[in-house]
PDB file of N, CA and C in Angstrom:
ATOM      1  N   MET A   1     106.348 122.086  73.077  1.00  0.00           N
ATOM      2  CA  MET A   1     106.401 121.764  74.496  1.00  0.00           C
ATOM      3  C   MET A   1     106.536 120.248  74.657  1.00  0.00           C
ATOM      4  N   PRO A   2     107.522 119.787  75.448  1.00  0.00           N
ATOM      5  CA  PRO A   2     107.668 118.338  75.660  1.00  0.00           C
ATOM      6  C   PRO A   2     106.458 117.735  76.353  1.00  0.00           C
ATOM      7  N   LYS A   3     106.228 116.478  76.068  1.00  0.00           N
ATOM      8  CA  LYS A   3     105.118 115.731  76.650  1.00  0.00           C
ATOM      9  C   LYS A   3     105.325 115.522  78.149  1.00  0.00           C
ATOM     10  N   THR A   4     104.230 115.450  78.897  1.00  0.00           N
ATOM     11  CA  THR A   4     104.300 115.076  80.307  1.00  0.00           C
ATOM     12  C   THR A   4     103.449 113.829  80.517  1.00  0.00           C
ATOM     13  N   LEU A   5     103.767 113.090  81.566  1.00  0.00           N
ATOM     14  CA  LEU A   5     103.066 111.859  81.886  1.00  0.00           C
ATOM     15  C   LEU A   5     102.821 111.856  83.382  1.00  0.00           C
ATOM     16  N   GLU A   6     101.557 111.815  83.796  1.00  0.00           N
ATOM     17  CA  GLU A   6     101.207 111.759  85.211  1.00  0.00           C
ATOM     18  C   GLU A   6     101.101 110.298  85.619  1.00  0.00           C
ATOM     19  N   VAL A   7     101.749 109.944  86.734  1.00  0.00           N
ATOM     20  CA  VAL A   7     101.876 108.554  87.139  1.00  0.00           C
ATOM     21  C   VAL A   7     101.554 108.406  88.622  1.00  0.00           C
ATOM     22  N   VAL A   8     100.930 107.280  88.961  1.00  0.00           N
ATOM     23  CA  VAL A   8     100.660 106.933  90.355  1.00  0.00           C
ATOM     24  C   VAL A   8     101.261 105.554  90.617  1.00  0.00           C
ATOM     25  N   CYS A   9     101.761 105.350  91.848  1.00  0.00           N
ATOM     26  CA  CYS A   9     102.236 104.038  92.253  1.00  0.00           C
ATOM     27  C   CYS A   9     101.131 103.403  93.094  1.00  0.00           C
ATOM     28  N   THR A  10     100.650 102.267  92.656  1.00  0.00           N
ATOM     29  CA  THR A  10      99.503 101.623  93.311  1.00  0.00           C
ATOM     30  C   THR A  10      99.911 100.539  94.303  1.00  0.00           C
ATOM     31  N   ARG A  11     101.210 100.364  94.539  1.00  0.00           N
ATOM     32  CA  ARG A  11     101.652  99.347  95.489  1.00  0.00           C
ATOM     33  C   ARG A  11     101.207  99.724  96.904  1.00  0.00           C
ATOM     34  N   ASN A  12     100.661  98.770  97.640  1.00  0.00           N
ATOM     35  CA  ASN A  12     100.155  99.018  98.991  1.00  0.00           C
ATOM     36  C   ASN A  12     101.230  99.499  99.953  1.00  0.00           C
ATOM     37  N   ASP A  13     102.459  99.059  99.759  1.00  0.00           N
ATOM     38  CA  ASP A  13     103.528  99.444 100.678  1.00  0.00           C
ATOM     39  C   ASP A  13     104.285 100.698 100.240  1.00  0.00           C
ATOM     40  N   CYS A  14     103.776 101.421  99.249  1.00  0.00           N
ATOM     41  CA  CYS A  14     104.402 102.658  98.777  1.00  0.00           C
ATOM     42  C   CYS A  14     103.540 103.850  99.170  1.00  0.00           C
ATOM     43  N   ASP A  15     104.164 104.870  99.721  1.00  0.00           N
ATOM     44  CA  ASP A  15     103.443 106.058 100.177  1.00  0.00           C
ATOM     45  C   ASP A  15     103.420 107.201  99.167  1.00  0.00           C
ATOM     46  N   LEU A  16     103.973 106.982  97.981  1.00  0.00           N
ATOM     47  CA  LEU A  16     103.980 108.039  96.963  1.00  0.00           C
ATOM     48  C   LEU A  16     102.582 108.219  96.392  1.00  0.00           C
ATOM     49  N   ASP A  17     102.118 109.444  96.351  1.00  0.00           N
ATOM     50  CA  ASP A  17     100.782 109.731  95.825  1.00  0.00           C
ATOM     51  C   ASP A  17     100.805 109.729  94.304  1.00  0.00           C
ATOM     52  N   MET A  18     101.478 110.696  93.712  1.00  0.00           N
ATOM     53  CA  MET A  18     101.601 110.761  92.261  1.00  0.00           C
ATOM     54  C   MET A  18     102.815 111.594  91.910  1.00  0.00           C
ATOM     55  N   PHE A  19     103.276 111.450  90.677  1.00  0.00           N
ATOM     56  CA  PHE A  19     104.370 112.274  90.195  1.00  0.00           C
ATOM     57  C   PHE A  19     104.188 112.493  88.700  1.00  0.00           C
ATOM     58  N   GLU A  20     104.936 113.438  88.180  1.00  0.00           N
ATOM     59  CA  GLU A  20     104.808 113.811  86.778  1.00  0.00           C
ATOM     60  C   GLU A  20     106.162 113.683  86.110  1.00  0.00           C
ATOM     61  N   LEU A  21     106.193 113.034  84.964  1.00  0.00           N
ATOM     62  CA  LEU A  21     107.410 112.888  84.175  1.00  0.00           C
ATOM     63  C   LEU A  21     107.369 113.901  83.041  1.00  0.00           C
ATOM     64  N   HIS A  22     108.446 114.617  82.868  1.00  0.00           N
ATOM     65  CA  HIS A  22     108.560 115.583  81.779  1.00  0.00           C
ATOM     66  C   HIS A  22     109.548 115.027  80.771  1.00  0.00           C
ATOM     67  N   TYR A  23     109.072 114.706  79.597  1.00  0.00           N
ATOM     68  CA  TYR A  23     109.908 114.119  78.550  1.00  0.00           C
ATOM     69  C   TYR A  23     110.735 115.192  77.850  1.00  0.00           C
ATOM     70  N   GLN A  24     111.881 114.794  77.366  1.00  0.00           N
ATOM     71  CA  GLN A  24     112.660 115.616  76.448  1.00  0.00           C
ATOM     72  C   GLN A  24     112.148 115.343  75.037  1.00  0.00           C
ATOM     73  N   TYR A  25     112.452 116.217  74.124  1.00  0.00           N
ATOM     74  CA  TYR A  25     112.027 116.005  72.743  1.00  0.00           C
ATOM     75  C   TYR A  25     112.655 114.749  72.143  1.00  0.00           C
ATOM     76  N   SER A  26     113.796 114.338  72.658  1.00  0.00           N
ATOM     77  CA  SER A  26     114.493 113.185  72.088  1.00  0.00           C
ATOM     78  C   SER A  26     113.976 111.843  72.628  1.00  0.00           C
ATOM     79  N   MET A  27     112.981 111.848  73.516  1.00  0.00           N
ATOM     80  CA  MET A  27     112.416 110.600  74.044  1.00  0.00           C
ATOM     81  C   MET A  27     111.754 109.846  72.889  1.00  0.00           C
ATOM     82  N   PRO A  28     112.034 108.564  72.740  1.00  0.00           N
ATOM     83  CA  PRO A  28     111.450 107.792  71.631  1.00  0.00           C
ATOM     84  C   PRO A  28     109.916 107.779  71.693  1.00  0.00           C
ATOM     85  N   ASP A  29     109.283 107.838  70.536  1.00  0.00           N
ATOM     86  CA  ASP A  29     107.821 107.723  70.466  1.00  0.00           C
ATOM     87  C   ASP A  29     107.401 106.389  71.067  1.00  0.00           C
ATOM     88  N   GLY A  30     106.275 106.380  71.734  1.00  0.00           N
ATOM     89  CA  GLY A  30     105.755 105.168  72.329  1.00  0.00           C
ATOM     90  C   GLY A  30     106.282 104.877  73.727  1.00  0.00           C
ATOM     91  N   THR A  31     107.155 105.734  74.250  1.00  0.00           N
ATOM     92  CA  THR A  31     107.642 105.536  75.616  1.00  0.00           C
ATOM     93  C   THR A  31     106.495 105.772  76.579  1.00  0.00           C
ATOM     94  N   GLY A  32     106.260 104.822  77.442  1.00  0.00           N
ATOM     95  CA  GLY A  32     105.154 104.935  78.383  1.00  0.00           C
ATOM     96  C   GLY A  32     105.586 104.605  79.792  1.00  0.00           C
ATOM     97  N   VAL A  33     104.618 104.450  80.656  1.00  0.00           N
ATOM     98  CA  VAL A  33     104.864 104.233  82.072  1.00  0.00           C
ATOM     99  C   VAL A  33     105.678 102.961  82.332  1.00  0.00           C
ATOM    100  N   GLU A  34     105.582 101.978  81.454  1.00  0.00           N
ATOM    101  CA  GLU A  34     106.309 100.720  81.637  1.00  0.00           C
ATOM    102  C   GLU A  34     107.820 100.892  81.560  1.00  0.00           C
ATOM    103  N   ALA A  35     108.296 102.014  81.056  1.00  0.00           N
ATOM    104  CA  ALA A  35     109.729 102.266  80.926  1.00  0.00           C
ATOM    105  C   ALA A  35     110.340 102.853  82.202  1.00  0.00           C
ATOM    106  N   PHE A  36     109.523 103.099  83.225  1.00  0.00           N
ATOM    107  CA  PHE A  36     109.989 103.794  84.417  1.00  0.00           C
ATOM    108  C   PHE A  36     109.750 102.978  85.683  1.00  0.00           C
ATOM    109  N   SER A  37     110.403 103.380  86.759  1.00  0.00           N
ATOM    110  CA  SER A  37     110.165 102.775  88.067  1.00  0.00           C
ATOM    111  C   SER A  37     109.829 103.895  89.050  1.00  0.00           C
ATOM    112  N   CYS A  38     109.173 103.551  90.136  1.00  0.00           N
ATOM    113  CA  CYS A  38     108.749 104.518  91.138  1.00  0.00           C
ATOM    114  C   CYS A  38     109.980 105.140  91.815  1.00  0.00           C
ATOM    115  N   PRO A  39     110.056 106.465  91.884  1.00  0.00           N
ATOM    116  CA  PRO A  39     111.208 107.095  92.530  1.00  0.00           C
ATOM    117  C   PRO A  39     111.200 106.917  94.050  1.00  0.00           C
ATOM    118  N   TYR A  40     110.101 106.482  94.628  1.00  0.00           N
ATOM    119  CA  TYR A  40     110.011 106.304  96.079  1.00  0.00           C
ATOM    120  C   TYR A  40     110.352 104.877  96.500  1.00  0.00           C
ATOM    121  N   CYS A  41     109.640 103.889  95.938  1.00  0.00           N
ATOM    122  CA  CYS A  41     109.864 102.498  96.354  1.00  0.00           C
ATOM    123  C   CYS A  41     110.794 101.743  95.408  1.00  0.00           C
ATOM    124  N   GLY A  42     111.036 102.282  94.218  1.00  0.00           N
ATOM    125  CA  GLY A  42     111.953 101.663  93.274  1.00  0.00           C
ATOM    126  C   GLY A  42     111.352 100.565  92.416  1.00  0.00           C
ATOM    127  N   GLU A  43     110.083 100.240  92.620  1.00  0.00           N
ATOM    128  CA  GLU A  43     109.431  99.170  91.854  1.00  0.00           C
ATOM    129  C   GLU A  43     108.765  99.741  90.603  1.00  0.00           C
ATOM    130  N   SER A  44     108.626  98.911  89.580  1.00  0.00           N
ATOM    131  CA  SER A  44     107.957  99.352  88.359  1.00  0.00           C
ATOM    132  C   SER A  44     106.595  98.684  88.179  1.00  0.00           C
ATOM    133  N   GLY A  45     106.347  97.601  88.897  1.00  0.00           N
ATOM    134  CA  GLY A  45     105.126  96.829  88.719  1.00  0.00           C
ATOM    135  C   GLY A  45     103.848  97.534  89.121  1.00  0.00           C
ATOM    136  N   GLY A  46     103.899  98.540  89.972  1.00  0.00           N
ATOM    137  CA  GLY A  46     102.682  99.195  90.436  1.00  0.00           C
ATOM    138  C   GLY A  46     102.394 100.530  89.786  1.00  0.00           C
ATOM    139  N   LEU A  47     103.182 100.922  88.795  1.00  0.00           N
ATOM    140  CA  LEU A  47     102.976 102.227  88.173  1.00  0.00           C
ATOM    141  C   LEU A  47     101.833 102.186  87.169  1.00  0.00           C
ATOM    142  N   GLU A  48     101.007 103.218  87.237  1.00  0.00           N
ATOM    143  CA  GLU A  48      99.904 103.367  86.276  1.00  0.00           C
ATOM    144  C   GLU A  48      99.813 104.821  85.847  1.00  0.00           C
ATOM    145  N   GLU A  49      99.536 105.022  84.577  1.00  0.00           N
ATOM    146  CA  GLU A  49      99.329 106.380  84.063  1.00  0.00           C
ATOM    147  C   GLU A  49      97.960 106.863  84.508  1.00  0.00           C
ATOM    148  N   ILE A  50      97.881 108.122  84.908  1.00  0.00           N
ATOM    149  CA  ILE A  50      96.586 108.725  85.230  1.00  0.00           C
ATOM    150  C   ILE A  50      96.341 109.884  84.271  1.00  0.00           C
ATOM    151  N   HIS A  51      95.091 110.088  83.957  1.00  0.00           N
ATOM    152  CA  HIS A  51      94.713 111.161  83.030  1.00  0.00           C
ATOM    153  C   HIS A  51      93.986 112.220  83.832  1.00  0.00           C
ATOM    154  N   VAL A  52      94.612 113.392  83.942  1.00  0.00           N
ATOM    155  CA  VAL A  52      94.011 114.499  84.703  1.00  0.00           C
ATOM    156  C   VAL A  52      93.481 115.564  83.792  1.00  0.00           C
TER     157      VAL A  52
END
């Protein structure tokens, strides 16, 4: 089963609550939240991984 990553955007001006990334098996090891940007506001600086 491919890995999933739960992410929240913490920027004050972004209304996105949380989202989940579903990796493909070919995703390089060590890929983390820093490789992505928020699908709502487009910024990457406010993304944080959450552990549920």
